[in-house]
Structures are given as C-alpha cells and as structure tokens.
Amino acid sequence: MKNEEVARVAQRYAVSVPQLSIRYCLQLGLLPLPRSADPAHLRANAEVDFTITEEDMDLLRGVEPIADYGDHRAMTIYGGRRDVRSLLALARGTLRSRVRPQRGR
C-alpha cells in the first residue's frame, strides 16, 4: 500500500489506497475480502461507489508486483511467485477461470 503510483491514482478519485484496491478488484469481477477491527475502516471499505476509468485500470494492471512481503512471506497467500503471477494473469484477463458463469442470471 506504499506504491506512489497507486497513491496518485487514489488521490485522483479522492479515496484511500485501500478503497481504490477494493474498487479495482470489484471492477475485475473479483471478490475482495478486506478486513479490519476498526469500525471506521470497515465503513470506509464499503464506500467504493465510484468507477475507475479504463485508462487507470490499465495503469493499475501494470503495477509491478511486490517483490518481498517481509515477515508475512510465510503466509500461504504470499507463498511464491507462481501465485502472484497467476493473480496478475487473472487481473490482466490472460488466465481463464475454471468457474464458468451461470447462464440466465
């Protein structure tokens, strides 16, 4: 959440980086699962009623992945390059989901 490029995009929309991140996931069709014990953060996480332009979505898709998660690298979500690359491919639309959308909904 310390990426300056992402912070500049968030400033353009007058939102926090976490809010931008949540909106980005939603626009990709992903389900973000933010968590917080702070009621103010919980409320802020729900305030994502804006739309990121396609130009900014492209910019965000191109952001370099985090190379080192420090002390958190042992967590399974940060378990290695293959996981990060798969998520980036999914975000870029080059990895096909194994779940097929239901028709008629």
Protein backbone atom coordinates (compact mmCIF):
# COMPACT_ATOMS: atom_id res chain seq x y z
CA MET A 1 0.00 0.00 0.00
CA LYS A 2 3.06 2.21 -0.25
CA ASN A 3 3.24 2.37 -4.04
CA GLU A 4 3.40 6.05 -5.05
CA GLU A 5 1.82 5.45 -8.45
CA VAL A 6 -1.19 3.76 -6.84
CA ALA A 7 -1.39 6.54 -4.25
CA ARG A 8 -1.56 9.15 -7.05
CA VAL A 9 -4.43 7.27 -8.70
CA ALA A 10 -6.26 7.12 -5.35
CA GLN A 11 -5.78 10.88 -4.93
CA ARG A 12 -7.40 11.50 -8.33
CA TYR A 13 -10.56 9.80 -7.05
CA ALA A 14 -10.28 11.36 -3.57
CA VAL A 15 -10.23 7.91 -1.96
CA SER A 16 -7.77 5.91 0.11
CA VAL A 17 -5.48 3.29 -1.40
CA PRO A 18 -7.49 0.51 0.30
CA GLN A 19 -10.72 1.91 -1.21
CA LEU A 20 -9.08 2.06 -4.64
CA SER A 21 -7.83 -1.51 -4.21
CA ILE A 22 -11.29 -2.76 -3.30
CA ARG A 23 -12.88 -0.95 -6.26
CA TYR A 24 -10.17 -2.31 -8.58
CA CYS A 25 -10.95 -5.88 -7.51
CA LEU A 26 -14.68 -5.32 -7.96
CA GLN A 27 -14.20 -3.97 -11.47
CA LEU A 28 -12.12 -7.04 -12.32
CA GLY A 29 -15.04 -9.19 -11.21
CA LEU A 30 -13.16 -10.43 -8.16
CA LEU A 31 -14.47 -10.56 -4.61
CA PRO A 32 -12.17 -8.57 -2.33
CA LEU A 33 -12.17 -9.63 1.31
CA PRO A 34 -10.88 -6.62 3.26
CA ARG A 35 -10.67 -6.99 6.98
CA SER A 36 -10.32 -4.61 9.85
CA ALA A 37 -11.15 -4.43 13.53
CA ASP A 38 -11.59 -0.66 13.30
CA PRO A 39 -15.24 0.36 12.68
CA ALA A 40 -14.13 3.48 10.80
CA HIS A 41 -12.03 1.38 8.41
CA LEU A 42 -14.93 -1.03 7.92
CA ARG A 43 -17.18 1.87 6.92
CA ALA A 44 -14.53 3.35 4.63
CA ASN A 45 -14.02 -0.04 2.95
CA ALA A 46 -17.70 -0.04 1.99
CA GLU A 47 -17.52 3.44 0.41
CA VAL A 48 -16.47 2.38 -3.07
CA ASP A 49 -19.28 3.87 -5.15
CA PHE A 50 -17.01 5.27 -7.86
CA THR A 51 -15.73 3.86 -11.14
CA ILE A 52 -12.09 3.65 -12.13
CA THR A 53 -11.54 4.73 -15.74
CA GLU A 54 -10.24 2.15 -18.20
CA GLU A 55 -7.04 4.19 -18.52
CA ASP A 56 -6.43 3.96 -14.76
CA MET A 57 -7.41 0.26 -14.74
CA ASP A 58 -4.70 -0.34 -17.36
CA LEU A 59 -2.22 1.63 -15.28
CA LEU A 60 -3.10 -0.40 -12.16
CA ARG A 61 -2.84 -3.68 -14.09
CA GLY A 62 0.71 -2.71 -14.98
CA VAL A 63 1.87 -2.01 -11.43
CA GLU A 64 4.91 -4.11 -10.50
CA PRO A 65 4.05 -6.85 -8.00
CA ILE A 66 5.51 -6.68 -4.52
CA ALA A 67 8.85 -8.49 -4.59
CA ASP A 68 9.18 -9.19 -0.87
CA TYR A 69 6.44 -9.40 1.72
CA GLY A 70 8.95 -9.33 4.59
CA ASP A 71 7.75 -11.11 7.71
CA HIS A 72 4.47 -12.04 6.01
CA ARG A 73 6.08 -14.09 3.23
CA ALA A 74 5.32 -17.34 5.10
CA MET A 75 1.57 -16.80 4.74
CA THR A 76 0.05 -19.04 2.08
CA ILE A 77 -1.41 -16.18 0.05
CA TYR A 78 2.10 -14.82 -0.39
CA GLY A 79 3.53 -18.29 -0.95
CA GLY A 80 5.54 -17.70 -4.05
CA ARG A 81 5.98 -16.22 -7.48
CA ARG A 82 3.63 -18.65 -9.18
CA ASP A 83 0.74 -17.45 -7.02
CA VAL A 84 1.47 -13.78 -7.72
CA ARG A 85 1.87 -14.41 -11.44
CA SER A 86 -1.42 -16.32 -11.57
CA LEU A 87 -3.23 -13.45 -9.86
CA LEU A 88 -1.67 -10.94 -12.24
CA ALA A 89 -2.63 -13.07 -15.25
CA LEU A 90 -6.17 -13.26 -13.91
CA ALA A 91 -6.23 -9.48 -13.43
CA ARG A 92 -4.97 -8.95 -16.97
CA GLY A 93 -7.54 -11.36 -18.34
CA THR A 94 -4.97 -13.80 -19.70
CA LEU A 95 -5.79 -16.62 -17.28
CA ARG A 96 -9.14 -18.29 -17.71
CA SER A 97 -11.13 -19.02 -14.63
CA ARG A 98 -12.12 -22.63 -14.02
CA VAL A 99 -15.51 -21.47 -12.80
CA ARG A 100 -17.97 -20.94 -15.62
CA PRO A 101 -20.58 -18.20 -15.25
CA GLN A 102 -24.15 -19.41 -14.90
CA ARG A 103 -26.40 -18.50 -17.79
CA GLY A 104 -29.70 -16.73 -17.38
CA ARG A 105 -28.76 -14.69 -14.35
